[in-house]
Amino acid sequence: MASYEFDVHTHSIASGHGTCATMTDMAKAANAAGLKMLGISDHGPKTLGGGRISYFRSLAFAQPKRLGVRILYGAEVNILDQEGKLDLDDEILESLDYVIASMHRPIFKSGTADENTRAYIKTMENPNVNIIGHCDDEKFPVDYFALFRAAMENHVLLEINNSSLSPDGYRGDTTYADLLILNLSKHFNYPVLFSSDSHGTEHIGDFQYAEALARKVDIPEDLILNYSVRKFMGFLGER
């Protein structure tokens, strides 16, 4: 089996909770894990203690490489409403290397499965959004077939979030939802993304639970973009 080359859903001290790790600390951990590329996606400003607008604006001037690891600078923005409004303006999103959009309580008030699905789809219509984060969360029920179809139509990735699948995860039992996403990926031959959602250095590049689930589905490795920096960057370039 090939080794994973990157992890792009990670959080530094700028996310305001869960860690005091700096970007240099994160790069060291990525290097130690054998990753070629690390994406830092700190929480948007509506998250308590999250990154301020000035922080995300300054990322355009950050170092593209640290300790031998290529660094992408992104954001995990908050979906605010059913129209897909986000907590960073497009002007800033356009300056980032990539954007993850997610639902978090209490910032987003969950509705019916149809309402939540609509919110995700409207979010995916924003050309700056590349990834939908932890859409397996039981607190935000969705129609996974409609969600996956919209992801394909808008050239957006759905992630398999390793933190969600962890025994100490707090999003409920996400196994069924992630199995659905993986099976849809296999059926439609459309890629997915593994994400550690590591707050700090401890879990950077750790996809053990996502990998175990993928094995059950027998999904081809070429549908998991984490095996290839080249394929992932190519995917971003097509958006």
C-alpha atoms as a PDB file:
ATOM      1  CA  MET A   1       0.000   0.000   0.000  1.00  0.00           C
ATOM      2  CA  ALA A   2       1.245   3.467  -0.889  1.00  0.00           C
ATOM      3  CA  SER A   3       1.885   5.969   1.891  1.00  0.00           C
ATOM      4  CA  TYR A   4      -0.173   9.083   2.462  1.00  0.00           C
ATOM      5  CA  GLU A   5       1.429  12.277   1.192  1.00  0.00           C
ATOM      6  CA  PHE A   6      -0.614  15.033   2.846  1.00  0.00           C
ATOM      7  CA  ASP A   7      -3.189  16.122   5.392  1.00  0.00           C
ATOM      8  CA  VAL A   8      -5.031  19.408   4.893  1.00  0.00           C
ATOM      9  CA  HIS A   9      -7.594  19.534   7.723  1.00  0.00           C
ATOM     10  CA  THR A  10      -5.498  20.567  10.720  1.00  0.00           C
ATOM     11  CA  HIS A  11      -5.628  23.327  13.316  1.00  0.00           C
ATOM     12  CA  SER A  12      -2.968  25.448  14.998  1.00  0.00           C
ATOM     13  CA  ILE A  13      -3.114  27.734  18.023  1.00  0.00           C
ATOM     14  CA  ALA A  14      -4.884  30.285  15.808  1.00  0.00           C
ATOM     15  CA  SER A  15      -8.064  28.180  15.950  1.00  0.00           C
ATOM     16  CA  GLY A  16      -8.480  29.217  19.571  1.00  0.00           C
ATOM     17  CA  HIS A  17      -9.033  25.819  21.173  1.00  0.00           C
ATOM     18  CA  GLY A  18      -7.574  22.348  21.490  1.00  0.00           C
ATOM     19  CA  THR A  19      -3.902  23.232  21.068  1.00  0.00           C
ATOM     20  CA  CYS A  20      -1.079  25.677  21.597  1.00  0.00           C
ATOM     21  CA  ALA A  21       0.847  24.358  18.569  1.00  0.00           C
ATOM     22  CA  THR A  22       2.412  26.910  16.237  1.00  0.00           C
ATOM     23  CA  MET A  23       2.775  26.463  12.490  1.00  0.00           C
ATOM     24  CA  THR A  24       6.397  25.434  13.019  1.00  0.00           C
ATOM     25  CA  ASP A  25       5.288  22.779  15.517  1.00  0.00           C
ATOM     26  CA  MET A  26       2.775  21.521  12.966  1.00  0.00           C
ATOM     27  CA  ALA A  27       5.392  21.376  10.218  1.00  0.00           C
ATOM     28  CA  LYS A  28       7.745  19.401  12.485  1.00  0.00           C
ATOM     29  CA  ALA A  29       4.999  16.859  13.151  1.00  0.00           C
ATOM     30  CA  ALA A  30       4.163  16.585   9.460  1.00  0.00           C
ATOM     31  CA  ASN A  31       7.830  15.998   8.662  1.00  0.00           C
ATOM     32  CA  ALA A  32       8.059  13.335  11.358  1.00  0.00           C
ATOM     33  CA  ALA A  33       4.969  11.637   9.931  1.00  0.00           C
ATOM     34  CA  GLY A  34       6.624  11.482   6.513  1.00  0.00           C
ATOM     35  CA  LEU A  35       4.181  13.858   4.848  1.00  0.00           C
ATOM     36  CA  LYS A  36       5.193  15.873   1.820  1.00  0.00           C
ATOM     37  CA  MET A  37       2.519  18.531   2.364  1.00  0.00           C
ATOM     38  CA  LEU A  38       0.537  19.962   5.246  1.00  0.00           C
ATOM     39  CA  GLY A  39      -2.533  22.145   5.065  1.00  0.00           C
ATOM     40  CA  ILE A  40      -3.369  24.366   8.017  1.00  0.00           C
ATOM     41  CA  SER A  41      -7.075  25.191   8.118  1.00  0.00           C
ATOM     42  CA  ASP A  42      -7.810  27.225  11.212  1.00  0.00           C
ATOM     43  CA  HIS A  43     -11.352  27.952  12.299  1.00  0.00           C
ATOM     44  CA  GLY A  44     -13.104  31.032  10.968  1.00  0.00           C
ATOM     45  CA  PRO A  45     -13.943  34.086  13.086  1.00  0.00           C
ATOM     46  CA  LYS A  46     -17.423  32.938  14.183  1.00  0.00           C
ATOM     47  CA  THR A  47     -15.812  30.094  16.141  1.00  0.00           C
ATOM     48  CA  LEU A  48     -15.159  31.202  19.708  1.00  0.00           C
ATOM     49  CA  GLY A  49     -11.491  32.187  19.780  1.00  0.00           C
ATOM     50  CA  GLY A  50     -11.074  31.394  16.071  1.00  0.00           C
ATOM     51  CA  GLY A  51      -8.836  33.217  13.634  1.00  0.00           C
ATOM     52  CA  ARG A  52      -9.522  36.894  13.053  1.00  0.00           C
ATOM     53  CA  ILE A  53      -9.956  38.363   9.588  1.00  0.00           C
ATOM     54  CA  SER A  54      -6.481  39.939   9.760  1.00  0.00           C
ATOM     55  CA  TYR A  55      -4.956  36.499  10.424  1.00  0.00           C
ATOM     56  CA  PHE A  56      -6.448  34.959   7.306  1.00  0.00           C
ATOM     57  CA  ARG A  57      -5.527  38.002   5.233  1.00  0.00           C
ATOM     58  CA  SER A  58      -1.893  37.690   6.325  1.00  0.00           C
ATOM     59  CA  LEU A  59      -1.606  34.057   5.201  1.00  0.00           C
ATOM     60  CA  ALA A  60      -0.943  35.190   1.637  1.00  0.00           C
ATOM     61  CA  PHE A  61       2.511  36.254   2.852  1.00  0.00           C
ATOM     62  CA  ALA A  62       3.333  33.108   4.862  1.00  0.00           C
ATOM     63  CA  GLN A  63       6.212  30.755   4.034  1.00  0.00           C
ATOM     64  CA  PRO A  64       5.345  28.188   1.349  1.00  0.00           C
ATOM     65  CA  LYS A  65       7.706  25.639   2.885  1.00  0.00           C
ATOM     66  CA  ARG A  66       8.663  24.878   6.479  1.00  0.00           C
ATOM     67  CA  LEU A  67      11.227  22.285   7.572  1.00  0.00           C
ATOM     68  CA  GLY A  68      11.104  20.620   4.177  1.00  0.00           C
ATOM     69  CA  VAL A  69       7.307  20.334   4.147  1.00  0.00           C
ATOM     70  CA  ARG A  70       5.176  22.175   1.613  1.00  0.00           C
ATOM     71  CA  ILE A  71       2.561  24.234   3.467  1.00  0.00           C
ATOM     72  CA  LEU A  72      -0.877  25.157   2.188  1.00  0.00           C
ATOM     73  CA  TYR A  73      -2.735  27.900   4.026  1.00  0.00           C
ATOM     74  CA  GLY A  74      -6.487  27.529   4.176  1.00  0.00           C
ATOM     75  CA  ALA A  75      -9.426  27.954   6.496  1.00  0.00           C
ATOM     76  CA  GLU A  76     -12.239  25.916   7.951  1.00  0.00           C
ATOM     77  CA  VAL A  77     -15.019  28.425   7.572  1.00  0.00           C
ATOM     78  CA  ASN A  78     -18.398  28.223   9.250  1.00  0.00           C
ATOM     79  CA  ILE A  79     -21.598  27.801   7.278  1.00  0.00           C
ATOM     80  CA  LEU A  80     -23.915  30.396   8.783  1.00  0.00           C
ATOM     81  CA  ASP A  81     -27.312  29.780   7.185  1.00  0.00           C
ATOM     82  CA  GLN A  82     -29.292  27.797   4.625  1.00  0.00           C
ATOM     83  CA  GLU A  83     -28.159  30.131   1.854  1.00  0.00           C
ATOM     84  CA  GLY A  84     -24.566  29.012   2.348  1.00  0.00           C
ATOM     85  CA  LYS A  85     -23.268  32.278   3.778  1.00  0.00           C
ATOM     86  CA  LEU A  86     -19.777  31.879   5.255  1.00  0.00           C
ATOM     87  CA  ASP A  87     -17.926  33.716   8.016  1.00  0.00           C
ATOM     88  CA  LEU A  88     -15.154  34.991   5.723  1.00  0.00           C
ATOM     89  CA  ASP A  89     -15.749  37.186   2.697  1.00  0.00           C
ATOM     90  CA  ASP A  90     -14.935  35.979  -0.806  1.00  0.00           C
ATOM     91  CA  GLU A  91     -12.121  38.517  -1.067  1.00  0.00           C
ATOM     92  CA  ILE A  92     -10.237  36.676   1.679  1.00  0.00           C
ATOM     93  CA  LEU A  93     -11.275  33.195   0.569  1.00  0.00           C
ATOM     94  CA  GLU A  94      -9.842  33.895  -2.883  1.00  0.00           C
ATOM     95  CA  SER A  95      -6.433  34.594  -1.341  1.00  0.00           C
ATOM     96  CA  LEU A  96      -6.254  31.210   0.434  1.00  0.00           C
ATOM     97  CA  ASP A  97      -4.849  27.992  -1.008  1.00  0.00           C
ATOM     98  CA  TYR A  98      -8.059  26.082  -0.251  1.00  0.00           C
ATOM     99  CA  VAL A  99     -11.253  26.347   1.783  1.00  0.00           C
ATOM    100  CA  ILE A 100     -13.072  23.803   3.960  1.00  0.00           C
ATOM    101  CA  ALA A 101     -16.675  24.686   4.846  1.00  0.00           C
ATOM    102  CA  SER A 102     -18.354  23.017   7.827  1.00  0.00           C
ATOM    103  CA  MET A 103     -21.393  23.145  10.081  1.00  0.00           C
ATOM    104  CA  HIS A 104     -20.723  23.711  13.770  1.00  0.00           C
ATOM    105  CA  ARG A 105     -23.095  24.217  16.662  1.00  0.00           C
ATOM    106  CA  PRO A 106     -24.219  26.685  17.871  1.00  0.00           C
ATOM    107  CA  ILE A 107     -23.154  28.735  14.830  1.00  0.00           C
ATOM    108  CA  PHE A 108     -25.407  26.817  12.439  1.00  0.00           C
ATOM    109  CA  LYS A 109     -28.867  25.847  13.622  1.00  0.00           C
ATOM    110  CA  SER A 110     -29.649  22.389  12.269  1.00  0.00           C
ATOM    111  CA  GLY A 111     -32.869  21.936  10.335  1.00  0.00           C
ATOM    112  CA  THR A 112     -34.424  18.995   8.521  1.00  0.00           C
ATOM    113  CA  ALA A 113     -32.320  16.757   6.292  1.00  0.00           C
ATOM    114  CA  ASP A 114     -33.634  18.665   3.261  1.00  0.00           C
ATOM    115  CA  GLU A 115     -32.798  22.030   4.827  1.00  0.00           C
ATOM    116  CA  ASN A 116     -29.296  20.985   5.855  1.00  0.00           C
ATOM    117  CA  THR A 117     -28.660  19.469   2.431  1.00  0.00           C
ATOM    118  CA  ARG A 118     -29.761  22.711   0.795  1.00  0.00           C
ATOM    119  CA  ALA A 119     -27.350  24.669   2.994  1.00  0.00           C
ATOM    120  CA  TYR A 120     -24.454  22.420   1.972  1.00  0.00           C
ATOM    121  CA  ILE A 121     -25.384  22.632  -1.705  1.00  0.00           C
ATOM    122  CA  LYS A 122     -25.629  26.427  -1.620  1.00  0.00           C
ATOM    123  CA  THR A 123     -22.224  26.457   0.084  1.00  0.00           C
ATOM    124  CA  MET A 124     -20.726  24.262  -2.644  1.00  0.00           C
ATOM    125  CA  GLU A 125     -21.928  26.713  -5.269  1.00  0.00           C
ATOM    126  CA  ASN A 126     -19.390  29.212  -3.923  1.00  0.00           C
ATOM    127  CA  PRO A 127     -16.394  28.800  -6.276  1.00  0.00           C
ATOM    128  CA  ASN A 128     -13.967  29.369  -3.393  1.00  0.00           C
ATOM    129  CA  VAL A 129     -15.109  26.284  -1.464  1.00  0.00           C
ATOM    130  CA  ASN A 130     -13.105  23.122  -2.146  1.00  0.00           C
ATOM    131  CA  ILE A 131     -14.018  20.733   0.670  1.00  0.00           C
ATOM    132  CA  ILE A 132     -17.060  20.051   2.844  1.00  0.00           C
ATOM    133  CA  GLY A 133     -15.898  19.204   6.348  1.00  0.00           C
ATOM    134  CA  HIS A 134     -17.305  16.415   8.552  1.00  0.00           C
ATOM    135  CA  CYS A 135     -20.675  16.199   6.811  1.00  0.00           C
ATOM    136  CA  ASP A 136     -21.133  12.905   8.692  1.00  0.00           C
ATOM    137  CA  ASP A 137     -22.190  14.710  11.879  1.00  0.00           C
ATOM    138  CA  GLU A 138     -25.400  13.170  13.282  1.00  0.00           C
ATOM    139  CA  LYS A 139     -26.481  16.580  14.572  1.00  0.00           C
ATOM    140  CA  PHE A 140     -26.868  17.758  10.966  1.00  0.00           C
ATOM    141  CA  PRO A 141     -28.796  15.055   9.048  1.00  0.00           C
ATOM    142  CA  VAL A 142     -28.545  15.227   5.253  1.00  0.00           C
ATOM    143  CA  ASP A 143     -29.509  13.411   2.057  1.00  0.00           C
ATOM    144  CA  TYR A 144     -26.155  11.856   1.160  1.00  0.00           C
ATOM    145  CA  PHE A 145     -27.049  10.970  -2.406  1.00  0.00           C
ATOM    146  CA  ALA A 146     -28.101  14.563  -3.150  1.00  0.00           C
ATOM    147  CA  LEU A 147     -25.022  15.853  -1.311  1.00  0.00           C
ATOM    148  CA  PHE A 148     -22.628  13.650  -3.272  1.00  0.00           C
ATOM    149  CA  ARG A 149     -24.266  14.498  -6.582  1.00  0.00           C
ATOM    150  CA  ALA A 150     -23.923  18.212  -5.804  1.00  0.00           C
ATOM    151  CA  ALA A 151     -20.270  17.707  -4.842  1.00  0.00           C
ATOM    152  CA  MET A 152     -19.609  16.181  -8.261  1.00  0.00           C
ATOM    153  CA  GLU A 153     -21.513  18.938 -10.054  1.00  0.00           C
ATOM    154  CA  ASN A 154     -19.617  21.672  -8.217  1.00  0.00           C
ATOM    155  CA  HIS A 155     -16.201  19.958  -8.188  1.00  0.00           C
ATOM    156  CA  VAL A 156     -16.031  19.808  -4.390  1.00  0.00           C
ATOM    157  CA  LEU A 157     -14.624  17.078  -2.148  1.00  0.00           C
ATOM    158  CA  LEU A 158     -16.429  15.417   0.739  1.00  0.00           C
ATOM    159  CA  GLU A 159     -14.085  14.378   3.526  1.00  0.00           C
ATOM    160  CA  ILE A 160     -13.912  11.213   5.570  1.00  0.00           C
ATOM    161  CA  ASN A 161     -13.070  12.720   8.924  1.00  0.00           C
ATOM    162  CA  ASN A 162     -10.870  10.480  11.053  1.00  0.00           C
ATOM    163  CA  SER A 163     -11.748  12.408  14.212  1.00  0.00           C
ATOM    164  CA  SER A 164     -15.455  11.717  13.631  1.00  0.00           C
ATOM    165  CA  LEU A 165     -14.768   7.978  13.403  1.00  0.00           C
ATOM    166  CA  SER A 166     -12.498   7.902  16.439  1.00  0.00           C
ATOM    167  CA  PRO A 167     -13.873   6.084  19.514  1.00  0.00           C
ATOM    168  CA  ASP A 168     -13.685   9.382  21.398  1.00  0.00           C
ATOM    169  CA  GLY A 169     -15.335  11.357  18.597  1.00  0.00           C
ATOM    170  CA  TYR A 170     -18.180  13.686  19.528  1.00  0.00           C
ATOM    171  CA  ARG A 171     -20.286  13.676  16.336  1.00  0.00           C
ATOM    172  CA  GLY A 172     -22.214  10.514  17.155  1.00  0.00           C
ATOM    173  CA  ASP A 173     -21.964   7.238  15.252  1.00  0.00           C
ATOM    174  CA  THR A 174     -20.743   8.453  11.876  1.00  0.00           C
ATOM    175  CA  THR A 175     -19.891   5.024  10.458  1.00  0.00           C
ATOM    176  CA  TYR A 176     -23.043   4.643   8.369  1.00  0.00           C
ATOM    177  CA  ALA A 177     -22.730   8.120   6.852  1.00  0.00           C
ATOM    178  CA  ASP A 178     -19.073   7.630   5.988  1.00  0.00           C
ATOM    179  CA  LEU A 179     -19.794   4.215   4.489  1.00  0.00           C
ATOM    180  CA  LEU A 180     -22.404   5.851   2.280  1.00  0.00           C
ATOM    181  CA  ILE A 181     -19.932   8.493   1.118  1.00  0.00           C
ATOM    182  CA  LEU A 182     -17.255   5.897   0.381  1.00  0.00           C
ATOM    183  CA  ASN A 183     -19.686   3.680  -1.530  1.00  0.00           C
ATOM    184  CA  LEU A 184     -20.910   6.640  -3.568  1.00  0.00           C
ATOM    185  CA  SER A 185     -17.299   7.528  -4.324  1.00  0.00           C
ATOM    186  CA  LYS A 186     -16.675   4.016  -5.586  1.00  0.00           C
ATOM    187  CA  HIS A 187     -19.929   3.893  -7.555  1.00  0.00           C
ATOM    188  CA  PHE A 188     -19.449   7.239  -9.302  1.00  0.00           C
ATOM    189  CA  ASN A 189     -15.645   6.972  -9.545  1.00  0.00           C
ATOM    190  CA  TYR A 190     -15.304  10.368  -7.862  1.00  0.00           C
ATOM    191  CA  PRO A 191     -12.587  11.014  -5.258  1.00  0.00           C
ATOM    192  CA  VAL A 192     -12.861  11.670  -1.536  1.00  0.00           C
ATOM    193  CA  LEU A 193     -10.438  13.105   0.986  1.00  0.00           C
ATOM    194  CA  PHE A 194      -9.196  11.687   4.283  1.00  0.00           C
ATOM    195  CA  SER A 195      -8.805  14.307   7.022  1.00  0.00           C
ATOM    196  CA  SER A 196      -7.296  14.027  10.474  1.00  0.00           C
ATOM    197  CA  ASP A 197      -8.989  17.181  11.845  1.00  0.00           C
ATOM    198  CA  SER A 198      -5.998  17.299  14.174  1.00  0.00           C
ATOM    199  CA  HIS A 199      -6.074  20.129  16.690  1.00  0.00           C
ATOM    200  CA  GLY A 200      -2.368  20.421  17.229  1.00  0.00           C
ATOM    201  CA  THR A 201       0.345  17.967  16.324  1.00  0.00           C
ATOM    202  CA  GLU A 202      -0.867  14.706  17.845  1.00  0.00           C
ATOM    203  CA  HIS A 203      -2.972  13.361  14.985  1.00  0.00           C
ATOM    204  CA  ILE A 204      -1.412  14.957  11.896  1.00  0.00           C
ATOM    205  CA  GLY A 205      -1.484  12.385   9.098  1.00  0.00           C
ATOM    206  CA  ASP A 206      -3.480   9.932  11.238  1.00  0.00           C
ATOM    207  CA  PHE A 207      -6.230   8.349   9.117  1.00  0.00           C
ATOM    208  CA  GLN A 208      -6.412   4.953  10.833  1.00  0.00           C
ATOM    209  CA  TYR A 209     -10.185   4.845  11.290  1.00  0.00           C
ATOM    210  CA  ALA A 210     -10.931   6.285   7.855  1.00  0.00           C
ATOM    211  CA  GLU A 211      -8.553   3.764   6.316  1.00  0.00           C
ATOM    212  CA  ALA A 212     -10.189   0.843   8.122  1.00  0.00           C
ATOM    213  CA  LEU A 213     -13.598   1.889   6.830  1.00  0.00           C
ATOM    214  CA  ALA A 214     -12.278   2.318   3.302  1.00  0.00           C
ATOM    215  CA  ARG A 215     -10.948  -1.225   3.403  1.00  0.00           C
ATOM    216  CA  LYS A 216     -14.448  -2.524   4.155  1.00  0.00           C
ATOM    217  CA  VAL A 217     -15.720  -0.803   1.017  1.00  0.00           C
ATOM    218  CA  ASP A 218     -12.690  -1.984  -0.976  1.00  0.00           C
ATOM    219  CA  ILE A 219     -12.383   1.466  -2.507  1.00  0.00           C
ATOM    220  CA  PRO A 220      -9.547   1.896  -5.036  1.00  0.00           C
ATOM    221  CA  GLU A 221      -6.572   3.868  -3.734  1.00  0.00           C
ATOM    222  CA  ASP A 222      -6.751   6.302  -6.653  1.00  0.00           C
ATOM    223  CA  LEU A 223     -10.075   7.590  -5.297  1.00  0.00           C
ATOM    224  CA  ILE A 224      -8.409   8.674  -2.033  1.00  0.00           C
ATOM    225  CA  LEU A 225      -6.540  11.839  -2.912  1.00  0.00           C
ATOM    226  CA  ASN A 226      -4.254  11.758   0.131  1.00  0.00           C
ATOM    227  CA  TYR A 227      -1.994   9.310  -1.674  1.00  0.00           C
ATOM    228  CA  SER A 228      -0.943  11.973  -4.191  1.00  0.00           C
ATOM    229  CA  VAL A 229      -0.081  15.647  -3.710  1.00  0.00           C
ATOM    230  CA  ARG A 230      -0.042  15.971  -7.491  1.00  0.00           C
ATOM    231  CA  LYS A 231      -3.609  14.702  -7.890  1.00  0.00           C
ATOM    232  CA  PHE A 232      -4.920  16.852  -5.071  1.00  0.00           C
ATOM    233  CA  MET A 233      -3.298  20.018  -6.396  1.00  0.00           C
ATOM    234  CA  GLY A 234      -4.598  19.154  -9.841  1.00  0.00           C
ATOM    235  CA  PHE A 235      -8.092  18.792  -8.395  1.00  0.00           C
ATOM    236  CA  LEU A 236      -7.845  22.216  -6.739  1.00  0.00           C
ATOM    237  CA  GLY A 237      -6.651  23.734 -10.001  1.00  0.00           C
ATOM    238  CA  GLU A 238      -9.762  22.517 -11.821  1.00  0.00           C
ATOM    239  CA  ARG A 239     -12.197  24.342  -9.516  1.00  0.00           C
END
